Each structure stands twice: as structure tokens, then as C-alpha cells.
């Protein structure tokens, strides 16, 4: 077994990503049981989800800096402990502060896993970088499909506390075990650089430090796009259970949506990552972002008809949303280089934390205020269209740079 093979490293990192998938994507299965077992309001419970995503994203710039310099192994081991103890510990939470602290601990562990794994993909693969990032992100987006039947059954048979404890212990142990074989490539890039679909030469691309990246306008455009695109998906991720309940659908409708959505989420990340290698990052963004806006509207138009239509439209949302986690990492590496790829993308990824405030917590507040999910969905659709327009602007700026013979790297 050659642990320095890039495909072996990709597969090992994907396993760790699968183990943290439940922390975000299975959460919605626990919301109703938590409400039934406590006197907590929906917005109070969903604030825990927002805190989790904030920790999972805003911790990454710090751990990304260390992982770029020290490698992923020790940090992923620590992540296994944090994820396992945090998620399992929520089975013992009797107060909201306890729930918040434990979910934050799990979020910090997930941050180590996510930044280390995505950074590894960007470093090991400079050729077909979009596909590699897509496969890696698919582990996080689709991994929970393996656990949904077990979690759903455990909640029904033994209660949500047992489901938290059993899955938390298992996930933590697997992450610690896999961490032992994780490595960064011996050189900056494990595969030779080639020209991208848009004509940009990676050979002449400048290697930006994080502070240099933060001084470029292009970073802030990407950040705004990330926030706007992440909002709609996180609205559905956090609130699919409450939405289904408010529309009067059975538990089986939610279970169907929760089972199929991770598969669509995973397929989205692989497909759009692959497509971006062929047609260019910005073209892929424009198509996917517009499709996501349409899908969000369809949830309101068709999703309320029946449980089957609800599951179908939610699946469409995930297939047109999950790609942001396979398009933004290689785009950041295209623009800013791979030497500080883990740290650079970790900073960009904090946009997801910002979006979680809007989509997760604020979305629940809007529902409590207006008694309808329409404001959240229509607002998210508009933001997706704005993000598509910004992607078109980035593409035109790249074309203009090439036309005048200017370097394509960010200035």
C-alpha cells in the first residue's frame, strides 16, 4: 500500500469527509424530536445549527494556516475527538447552552477535517482540480446518505439521544483511525500544471499568500457570490424538517427527501467540478446558479402539492446548490495559486458561516414572524441570480485581460 499515492490520499480524505457529513446534513432529522422532547422554540434550536456552521467555517482560516505548514495528520486526529465527543455529547444535552457548546465543538472538529481534506485535494491534484475537489466535497455532501436509514430508525426506536450517541462515537473513531495515513504531497503540486478551459496558464500563475489575496477585489466578489449561493441551500438543509411539517407532509416524505438529497448533493459536486474543468469555472457557475434560482422557486410552486413533489424539488435544489463546494475551491486555486491553498480557501469558506445566519437561523425567524417560507425562498432565488451575474462579470474580466495580453492572475 503506497500511502503517498494521490488517489489513496484522496480516498482516505473522502472517508473523513463522509464521517462529518451527518453533523450538518442529518441535523434536520433531529429538529422535530428536539422540539418534542423539550420546550425550546424552533429558532432557538436552529440557532445551534448556525453556531455549528460558524465554527465549522470561521475556525478554518486558523487551522488552514497550520495545516499548510505542518500537514493534516495531527489536526485530523484532534478533529475525530472533537466531532465524536461533540455530536455524541448532544445526546446528553438538557439545556440550550449545553447544546450550543457541544455542537460548536463538533463544528470545530469538522473545520479541521474539511479544510485539511479540501486543501489536500488542491495540493495533490493540479490537473483536473475541479474533479478532485468535487469528489472530496461529495464525501461531505453525500456521506450522510449512508447513515440516514440508521439514524431515522434509531430515532424512531430509541429516541434522538441514542442516535446522537451511537453515530457520534462511530464517526469519531473512524476519523482518528484514518488520520494516521494522511499526508501532503512532497512538492507543491503532485501533478504538472496545464492550461485551464478558459485559456489561463497555471504555469504563470502567481502564488498569493492569504494577506495578498485579501487585497484583491476578485476575492471579495467571490466571497459575495459564495454567501449568496450558500444561503438557499442552508435554508433547506436546516429547515427541511420544519418545512415538511408545516406543509402537513408525513415523516416518510421527509425521510425520502433526506435520503435522496445527499445523493443529489454528492452528484452535483462531482458533476459540476468535472464540467468546470471542461467548460471553465465561470461558465459552470452561471449555468448552475441560474438553475438553483429556478429550483428554489419550484419548491414553493410544486413542493407544496404532495410529499413526492416536495422530495423531488428539494433534490433539485441540492443538485443545483452543492456545486458551490466544488467550484469555489478550484476557482480560488486558479486565481490565487496552490501554495497557500488550504488557508486561502479556508478564508473564502467563511462565507458559508455568514450564509448560515441568513439561511438557517434568520430563515426560521422569518417563518415564525410571517407563518410562511416564501420570503426565505424567493429571497434566496434572487441572490442566486445575482451570483450568476457576478460570475458572468468575472468571466468577462478574464476575457478582457487575455485580449490585452495582461496576466490573468488577480491584481
Protein backbone atom coordinates (compact mmCIF):
# COMPACT_ATOMS: atom_id res chain seq x y z
CA UNK A 1 0.00 0.00 0.00
CA UNK A 2 1.52 3.30 -1.16
CA UNK A 3 0.14 5.98 1.13
CA UNK A 4 1.88 8.64 -0.98
CA UNK A 5 -0.28 7.83 -3.99
CA UNK A 6 -2.55 10.79 -4.71
CA UNK A 7 -5.62 8.60 -5.29
CA UNK A 8 -5.05 6.81 -1.99
CA UNK A 9 -4.83 10.16 -0.24
CA UNK A 10 -7.99 11.34 -2.00
CA UNK A 11 -9.88 8.20 -0.92
CA UNK A 12 -8.67 8.46 2.70
CA UNK A 13 -9.70 12.10 2.93
CA UNK A 14 -13.09 11.33 1.40
CA UNK A 15 -13.71 8.84 4.22
CA UNK A 16 -13.10 11.53 6.82
CA UNK A 17 -15.45 13.86 4.94
CA UNK A 18 -18.16 11.19 4.95
CA UNK A 19 -17.78 10.90 8.72
CA UNK A 20 -18.56 14.60 9.28
CA UNK A 21 -21.48 14.71 6.84
CA UNK A 22 -24.10 13.88 9.48
CA UNK A 23 -23.09 16.85 11.57
CA UNK A 24 -24.69 19.16 9.02
CA UNK A 25 -26.97 17.17 6.75
CA UNK A 26 -28.63 14.83 9.28
CA UNK A 27 -29.37 17.70 11.66
CA UNK A 28 -32.82 18.32 10.23
CA UNK A 29 -33.91 14.82 11.37
CA UNK A 30 -33.24 15.82 14.99
CA UNK A 31 -35.07 19.18 14.97
CA UNK A 32 -38.63 17.89 15.48
CA UNK A 33 -37.60 15.31 18.14
CA UNK A 34 -35.71 18.05 19.99
CA UNK A 35 -38.78 20.26 19.91
CA UNK A 36 -40.99 17.41 21.10
CA UNK A 37 -38.61 16.46 23.91
CA UNK A 38 -38.02 19.99 25.19
CA UNK A 39 -39.84 23.32 25.43
CA UNK A 40 -37.39 25.01 23.04
CA UNK A 41 -38.58 27.18 20.13
CA UNK A 42 -37.67 26.34 16.53
CA UNK A 43 -35.50 29.45 16.17
CA UNK A 44 -33.65 28.59 19.42
CA UNK A 45 -32.89 25.10 18.15
CA UNK A 46 -31.85 26.35 14.72
CA UNK A 47 -29.51 28.85 16.33
CA UNK A 48 -27.45 25.79 17.32
CA UNK A 49 -27.17 24.93 13.61
CA UNK A 50 -26.00 28.45 12.83
CA UNK A 51 -23.36 28.25 15.58
CA UNK A 52 -22.18 24.89 14.23
CA UNK A 53 -21.72 26.28 10.71
CA UNK A 54 -19.99 29.39 12.06
CA UNK A 55 -17.50 27.23 13.95
CA UNK A 56 -17.12 24.85 11.01
CA UNK A 57 -16.22 27.78 8.75
CA UNK A 58 -14.65 30.54 10.86
CA UNK A 59 -12.17 28.21 12.57
CA UNK A 60 -10.79 27.15 9.20
CA UNK A 61 -8.55 30.15 8.42
CA UNK A 62 -6.56 29.46 11.60
CA UNK A 63 -6.31 25.71 11.22
CA UNK A 64 -5.72 26.13 7.47
CA UNK A 65 -2.60 28.18 8.20
CA UNK A 66 -1.25 25.41 10.44
CA UNK A 67 -2.23 22.54 8.12
CA UNK A 68 -0.49 24.20 5.16
CA UNK A 69 2.71 24.25 7.19
CA UNK A 70 2.52 21.16 9.44
CA UNK A 71 0.40 18.72 7.45
CA UNK A 72 -3.05 17.30 8.18
CA UNK A 73 -2.42 14.22 10.32
CA UNK A 74 -2.36 15.65 13.85
CA UNK A 75 -5.19 18.06 13.19
CA UNK A 76 -7.46 15.35 11.78
CA UNK A 77 -6.78 13.20 14.86
CA UNK A 78 -7.89 16.09 17.07
CA UNK A 79 -10.89 16.55 14.79
CA UNK A 80 -12.00 12.98 15.42
CA UNK A 81 -12.11 13.62 19.16
CA UNK A 82 -13.97 16.92 18.80
CA UNK A 83 -16.51 15.54 16.33
CA UNK A 84 -17.12 12.37 18.29
CA UNK A 85 -17.43 13.97 21.71
CA UNK A 86 -19.41 16.97 20.46
CA UNK A 87 -22.00 15.07 18.44
CA UNK A 88 -22.37 12.21 20.93
CA UNK A 89 -22.49 14.71 23.79
CA UNK A 90 -25.60 16.33 22.34
CA UNK A 91 -27.41 13.18 23.33
CA UNK A 92 -26.90 14.30 26.94
CA UNK A 93 -27.75 17.99 26.43
CA UNK A 94 -30.53 19.18 28.73
CA UNK A 95 -30.20 22.93 28.19
CA UNK A 96 -29.74 25.15 25.17
CA UNK A 97 -26.27 26.36 26.28
CA UNK A 98 -25.15 22.72 26.55
CA UNK A 99 -26.49 22.03 23.06
CA UNK A 100 -24.74 25.10 21.67
CA UNK A 101 -21.34 24.33 23.23
CA UNK A 102 -21.34 20.69 22.15
CA UNK A 103 -22.45 21.47 18.60
CA UNK A 104 -19.74 24.14 18.40
CA UNK A 105 -17.13 21.56 19.48
CA UNK A 106 -18.30 19.26 16.70
CA UNK A 107 -18.16 22.23 14.32
CA UNK A 108 -14.54 22.97 15.21
CA UNK A 109 -13.64 19.34 14.54
CA UNK A 110 -15.47 19.44 11.22
CA UNK A 111 -13.46 22.55 10.33
CA UNK A 112 -10.19 20.63 10.73
CA UNK A 113 -11.45 17.78 8.56
CA UNK A 114 -12.93 19.99 5.85
CA UNK A 115 -10.04 22.39 5.41
CA UNK A 116 -7.44 19.61 5.60
CA UNK A 117 -9.27 17.44 3.08
CA UNK A 118 -10.08 20.14 0.52
CA UNK A 119 -6.56 21.53 0.84
CA UNK A 120 -5.18 18.05 0.23
CA UNK A 121 -7.21 17.68 -2.98
CA UNK A 122 -5.99 21.04 -4.28
CA UNK A 123 -2.36 20.21 -3.48
CA UNK A 124 -2.31 16.63 -4.78
CA UNK A 125 -4.23 17.45 -7.98
CA UNK A 126 -3.33 20.46 -10.09
CA UNK A 127 -4.62 18.65 -13.16
CA UNK A 128 -8.39 18.01 -13.07
CA UNK A 129 -8.54 20.11 -9.93
CA UNK A 130 -12.28 20.68 -10.25
CA UNK A 131 -12.99 16.94 -10.39
CA UNK A 132 -10.75 16.22 -7.39
CA UNK A 133 -12.35 18.98 -5.32
CA UNK A 134 -15.76 17.73 -6.42
CA UNK A 135 -15.07 14.16 -5.31
CA UNK A 136 -13.78 15.42 -1.97
CA UNK A 137 -16.73 17.72 -1.40
CA UNK A 138 -19.08 14.92 -2.44
CA UNK A 139 -17.98 12.95 0.60
CA UNK A 140 -19.30 15.73 2.81
CA UNK A 141 -22.37 16.45 0.74
CA UNK A 142 -23.43 12.85 0.17
CA UNK A 143 -21.94 10.88 3.03
CA UNK A 144 -24.98 11.22 5.22
CA UNK A 145 -26.99 9.08 2.75
CA UNK A 146 -25.19 6.07 4.26
CA UNK A 147 -26.47 6.95 7.72
CA UNK A 148 -29.97 8.35 7.13
CA UNK A 149 -31.78 4.98 7.34
CA UNK A 150 -29.93 4.07 10.54
CA UNK A 151 -30.43 7.49 12.14
CA UNK A 152 -34.10 7.62 11.22
CA UNK A 153 -34.63 4.11 12.58
CA UNK A 154 -32.66 4.84 15.76
CA UNK A 155 -34.65 7.99 16.45
CA UNK A 156 -37.96 6.18 15.95
CA UNK A 157 -36.98 3.14 18.03
CA UNK A 158 -34.70 4.53 20.73
CA UNK A 159 -35.03 8.32 20.64
CA UNK A 160 -32.84 11.11 19.35
CA UNK A 161 -30.43 10.92 22.29
CA UNK A 162 -29.36 7.37 21.44
CA UNK A 163 -28.97 8.32 17.77
CA UNK A 164 -26.65 11.19 18.70
CA UNK A 165 -24.51 8.99 20.95
CA UNK A 166 -24.17 5.98 18.62
CA UNK A 167 -23.30 7.93 15.47
CA UNK A 168 -21.01 10.34 17.33
CA UNK A 169 -18.83 7.58 18.78
CA UNK A 170 -18.60 5.71 15.49
CA UNK A 171 -17.74 8.78 13.41
CA UNK A 172 -15.10 10.00 15.86
CA UNK A 173 -13.30 6.65 15.96
CA UNK A 174 -13.18 6.33 12.16
CA UNK A 175 -11.76 9.85 11.73
CA UNK A 176 -9.00 9.18 14.28
CA UNK A 177 -8.10 5.91 12.55
CA UNK A 178 -7.94 7.35 9.02
CA UNK A 179 -5.90 10.36 10.19
CA UNK A 180 -2.87 8.11 10.64
CA UNK A 181 -2.32 7.78 6.87
CA UNK A 182 -3.00 11.35 5.72
CA UNK A 183 -0.11 13.26 4.11
CA UNK A 184 0.54 16.31 1.95
CA UNK A 185 2.46 15.82 -1.32
CA UNK A 186 6.26 16.17 -1.03
CA UNK A 187 6.27 19.03 -3.55
CA UNK A 188 3.87 21.93 -4.00
CA UNK A 189 1.99 20.14 -6.75
CA UNK A 190 1.80 16.41 -7.33
CA UNK A 191 0.77 16.69 -10.98
CA UNK A 192 2.02 19.02 -13.70
CA UNK A 193 0.16 22.24 -14.35
CA UNK A 194 -1.80 22.56 -17.55
CA UNK A 195 -3.86 25.24 -19.23
CA UNK A 196 -7.41 25.54 -17.99
CA UNK A 197 -10.51 25.57 -20.18
CA UNK A 198 -10.62 29.36 -20.12
CA UNK A 199 -7.12 29.62 -21.50
CA UNK A 200 -5.41 30.59 -18.24
CA UNK A 201 -1.95 29.11 -17.82
CA UNK A 202 -1.32 27.74 -14.38
CA UNK A 203 2.40 27.78 -15.05
CA UNK A 204 2.48 31.56 -14.97
CA UNK A 205 0.06 31.95 -12.12
CA UNK A 206 1.31 33.88 -9.15
CA UNK A 207 1.25 32.21 -5.74
CA UNK A 208 -0.70 34.51 -3.40
CA UNK A 209 -0.39 34.50 0.34
CA UNK A 210 -3.64 34.97 2.21
CA UNK A 211 -2.89 38.61 3.01
CA UNK A 212 -2.09 39.28 -0.64
CA UNK A 213 -5.34 37.58 -1.66
CA UNK A 214 -7.30 39.77 0.75
CA UNK A 215 -6.01 42.86 -1.05
CA UNK A 216 -7.56 41.81 -4.37
CA UNK A 217 -11.07 42.89 -5.49
CA UNK A 218 -11.59 39.46 -7.03
CA UNK A 219 -11.61 37.80 -3.61
CA UNK A 220 -14.49 39.94 -2.38
CA UNK A 221 -16.52 39.25 -5.49
CA UNK A 222 -16.04 35.51 -4.89
CA UNK A 223 -16.94 35.96 -1.22
CA UNK A 224 -20.19 37.77 -2.04
CA UNK A 225 -21.09 35.10 -4.60
CA UNK A 226 -20.41 32.36 -2.05
CA UNK A 227 -22.62 33.98 0.58
CA UNK A 228 -25.50 34.48 -1.83
CA UNK A 229 -25.33 30.95 -3.23
CA UNK A 230 -24.88 29.23 0.14
CA UNK A 231 -27.95 30.88 1.70
CA UNK A 232 -30.68 28.98 -0.17
CA UNK A 233 -29.12 25.58 0.32
CA UNK A 234 -28.57 26.16 4.02
CA UNK A 235 -32.17 27.35 4.36
CA UNK A 236 -33.30 23.95 3.05
CA UNK A 237 -30.61 21.98 4.92
CA UNK A 238 -31.52 23.43 8.31
CA UNK A 239 -35.28 23.62 7.83
CA UNK A 240 -36.37 20.75 5.57
CA UNK A 241 -37.94 19.01 8.56
CA UNK A 242 -39.88 22.06 9.81
CA UNK A 243 -40.89 22.94 6.23
CA UNK A 244 -42.25 19.44 5.63
CA UNK A 245 -44.10 19.53 8.94
CA UNK A 246 -45.61 22.98 8.31
CA UNK A 247 -46.93 21.80 4.93
CA UNK A 248 -48.56 18.77 6.53
CA UNK A 249 -46.44 16.03 4.99
CA UNK A 250 -45.76 12.69 6.68
CA UNK A 251 -42.46 11.59 8.17
CA UNK A 252 -41.94 9.33 5.16
CA UNK A 253 -41.87 12.35 2.82
CA UNK A 254 -39.09 13.92 4.89
CA UNK A 255 -37.24 10.58 5.04
CA UNK A 256 -37.42 10.30 1.24
CA UNK A 257 -36.11 13.82 0.78
CA UNK A 258 -33.40 13.28 3.40
CA UNK A 259 -32.28 10.05 1.71
CA UNK A 260 -32.20 11.30 -1.90
CA UNK A 261 -30.91 14.82 -1.25
CA UNK A 262 -27.40 13.78 -0.14
CA UNK A 263 -27.06 11.68 -3.28
CA UNK A 264 -28.03 14.68 -5.42
CA UNK A 265 -25.70 16.86 -3.36
CA UNK A 266 -22.78 14.48 -3.95
CA UNK A 267 -23.54 14.06 -7.65
CA UNK A 268 -23.74 17.84 -8.00
CA UNK A 269 -20.26 18.35 -6.62
CA UNK A 270 -18.68 15.72 -8.84
CA UNK A 271 -20.59 16.67 -12.00
CA UNK A 272 -20.12 20.42 -11.81
CA UNK A 273 -16.49 20.06 -10.71
CA UNK A 274 -15.85 17.89 -13.76
CA UNK A 275 -17.81 20.24 -16.00
CA UNK A 276 -15.82 23.25 -14.81
CA UNK A 277 -12.58 21.53 -15.87
CA UNK A 278 -14.04 21.30 -19.38
CA UNK A 279 -16.06 24.49 -19.94
CA UNK A 280 -14.46 26.82 -17.39
CA UNK A 281 -15.30 27.71 -13.80
CA UNK A 282 -17.34 30.82 -14.54
CA UNK A 283 -19.47 29.19 -17.25
CA UNK A 284 -20.28 26.33 -14.88
CA UNK A 285 -21.20 28.82 -12.15
CA UNK A 286 -23.55 30.79 -14.40
CA UNK A 287 -25.48 27.71 -15.53
CA UNK A 288 -25.69 26.11 -12.07
CA UNK A 289 -26.58 29.31 -10.21
CA UNK A 290 -29.46 30.16 -12.55
CA UNK A 291 -30.72 26.58 -12.27
CA UNK A 292 -30.59 26.88 -8.48
CA UNK A 293 -32.76 30.00 -8.55
CA UNK A 294 -35.35 28.15 -10.61
CA UNK A 295 -35.21 25.13 -8.28
CA UNK A 296 -35.81 27.26 -5.17
CA UNK A 297 -38.93 28.75 -6.73
CA UNK A 298 -40.14 25.28 -7.74
CA UNK A 299 -40.10 24.21 -4.07
CA UNK A 300 -42.79 26.80 -3.41
CA UNK A 301 -44.70 26.25 -6.67
CA UNK A 302 -44.67 22.43 -6.81
CA UNK A 303 -43.26 21.31 -3.47
CA UNK A 304 -46.46 22.03 -1.56
CA UNK A 305 -48.59 19.78 -3.78
CA UNK A 306 -47.57 16.47 -2.20
CA UNK A 307 -44.80 14.76 -0.29
CA UNK A 308 -43.43 13.32 -3.53
CA UNK A 309 -43.21 16.72 -5.19
CA UNK A 310 -41.63 18.10 -2.02
CA UNK A 311 -38.88 15.47 -2.12
CA UNK A 312 -38.35 15.98 -5.87
CA UNK A 313 -37.97 19.75 -5.69
CA UNK A 314 -35.68 19.56 -2.65
CA UNK A 315 -33.48 17.12 -4.59
CA UNK A 316 -33.33 19.66 -7.44
CA UNK A 317 -32.21 22.35 -5.00
CA UNK A 318 -29.37 20.16 -3.78
CA UNK A 319 -28.23 19.22 -7.28
CA UNK A 320 -28.02 22.89 -8.26
CA UNK A 321 -26.56 24.06 -4.94
CA UNK A 322 -23.94 21.51 -3.88
CA UNK A 323 -21.63 22.53 -6.72
CA UNK A 324 -20.51 25.65 -4.86
CA UNK A 325 -18.28 23.39 -2.76
CA UNK A 326 -16.57 22.01 -5.86
CA UNK A 327 -16.45 25.22 -7.90
CA UNK A 328 -15.16 27.76 -5.40
CA UNK A 329 -12.13 25.73 -4.17
CA UNK A 330 -10.56 25.25 -7.64
CA UNK A 331 -11.53 28.79 -8.64
CA UNK A 332 -9.64 30.12 -5.62
CA UNK A 333 -6.67 27.94 -6.52
CA UNK A 334 -6.87 29.09 -10.16
CA UNK A 335 -6.86 32.73 -9.11
CA UNK A 336 -4.51 32.64 -6.12
CA UNK A 337 -2.30 29.54 -6.53
CA UNK A 338 -1.87 26.32 -4.55
CA UNK A 339 0.99 27.11 -2.15
CA UNK A 340 -1.42 28.54 0.45
CA UNK A 341 -4.47 26.77 -0.95
CA UNK A 342 -5.72 25.38 2.37
CA UNK A 343 -5.52 28.73 4.15
CA UNK A 344 -6.80 30.76 1.19
CA UNK A 345 -9.87 28.62 0.64
CA UNK A 346 -10.48 28.42 4.38
CA UNK A 347 -10.86 32.21 4.44
CA UNK A 348 -13.19 32.15 1.44
CA UNK A 349 -15.18 29.30 3.04
CA UNK A 350 -16.13 31.53 5.98
CA UNK A 351 -18.77 32.86 3.58
CA UNK A 352 -20.73 29.73 4.37
CA UNK A 353 -20.80 30.75 8.04
CA UNK A 354 -22.16 34.14 7.09
CA UNK A 355 -24.81 32.48 4.94
CA UNK A 356 -25.82 30.16 7.78
CA UNK A 357 -27.01 33.16 9.78
CA UNK A 358 -29.32 34.14 6.92
CA UNK A 359 -30.45 30.71 5.76
CA UNK A 360 -30.52 28.72 8.98
CA UNK A 361 -31.43 30.96 11.88
CA UNK A 362 -32.94 34.01 10.15
CA UNK A 363 -34.97 31.77 7.83
CA UNK A 364 -36.61 30.16 10.88
CA UNK A 365 -37.27 33.59 12.38
CA UNK A 366 -38.97 34.75 9.17
CA UNK A 367 -41.22 31.71 9.27
CA UNK A 368 -42.15 32.38 12.91
CA UNK A 369 -42.86 36.01 12.02
CA UNK A 370 -44.86 35.55 8.81
CA UNK A 371 -46.05 31.94 9.05
CA UNK A 372 -44.68 31.27 5.56
CA UNK A 373 -41.41 30.14 3.98
CA UNK A 374 -41.97 32.24 0.83
CA UNK A 375 -39.80 35.19 1.87
CA UNK A 376 -36.80 32.95 2.50
CA UNK A 377 -37.13 31.02 -0.76
CA UNK A 378 -37.81 33.97 -3.05
CA UNK A 379 -35.02 35.98 -1.42
CA UNK A 380 -32.58 33.08 -1.88
CA UNK A 381 -33.58 32.71 -5.54
CA UNK A 382 -32.88 36.40 -6.18
CA UNK A 383 -29.46 36.09 -4.54
CA UNK A 384 -28.63 33.08 -6.75
CA UNK A 385 -29.39 35.16 -9.85
CA UNK A 386 -27.18 38.00 -8.61
CA UNK A 387 -24.36 35.49 -8.01
CA UNK A 388 -24.77 34.23 -11.61
CA UNK A 389 -24.47 37.82 -12.87
CA UNK A 390 -21.27 38.32 -10.85
CA UNK A 391 -19.84 35.08 -12.30
CA UNK A 392 -20.55 36.46 -15.78
CA UNK A 393 -18.72 39.63 -14.78
CA UNK A 394 -15.67 37.63 -13.68
CA UNK A 395 -15.66 35.78 -16.98
CA UNK A 396 -15.81 38.99 -19.00
CA UNK A 397 -12.99 40.45 -16.91
CA UNK A 398 -10.86 37.36 -17.67
CA UNK A 399 -11.60 37.65 -21.39
CA UNK A 400 -10.64 41.32 -21.33
CA UNK A 401 -7.35 40.54 -19.59
CA UNK A 402 -6.48 37.88 -22.15
CA UNK A 403 -7.42 40.19 -25.02
CA UNK A 404 -4.94 42.84 -23.94
CA UNK A 405 -2.26 40.32 -23.04
CA UNK A 406 -2.42 41.04 -19.31
CA UNK A 407 -1.75 38.33 -16.73
CA UNK A 408 -4.92 36.51 -15.75
CA UNK A 409 -3.94 36.36 -12.10
CA UNK A 410 -5.73 38.62 -9.65
CA UNK A 411 -4.25 42.06 -9.13
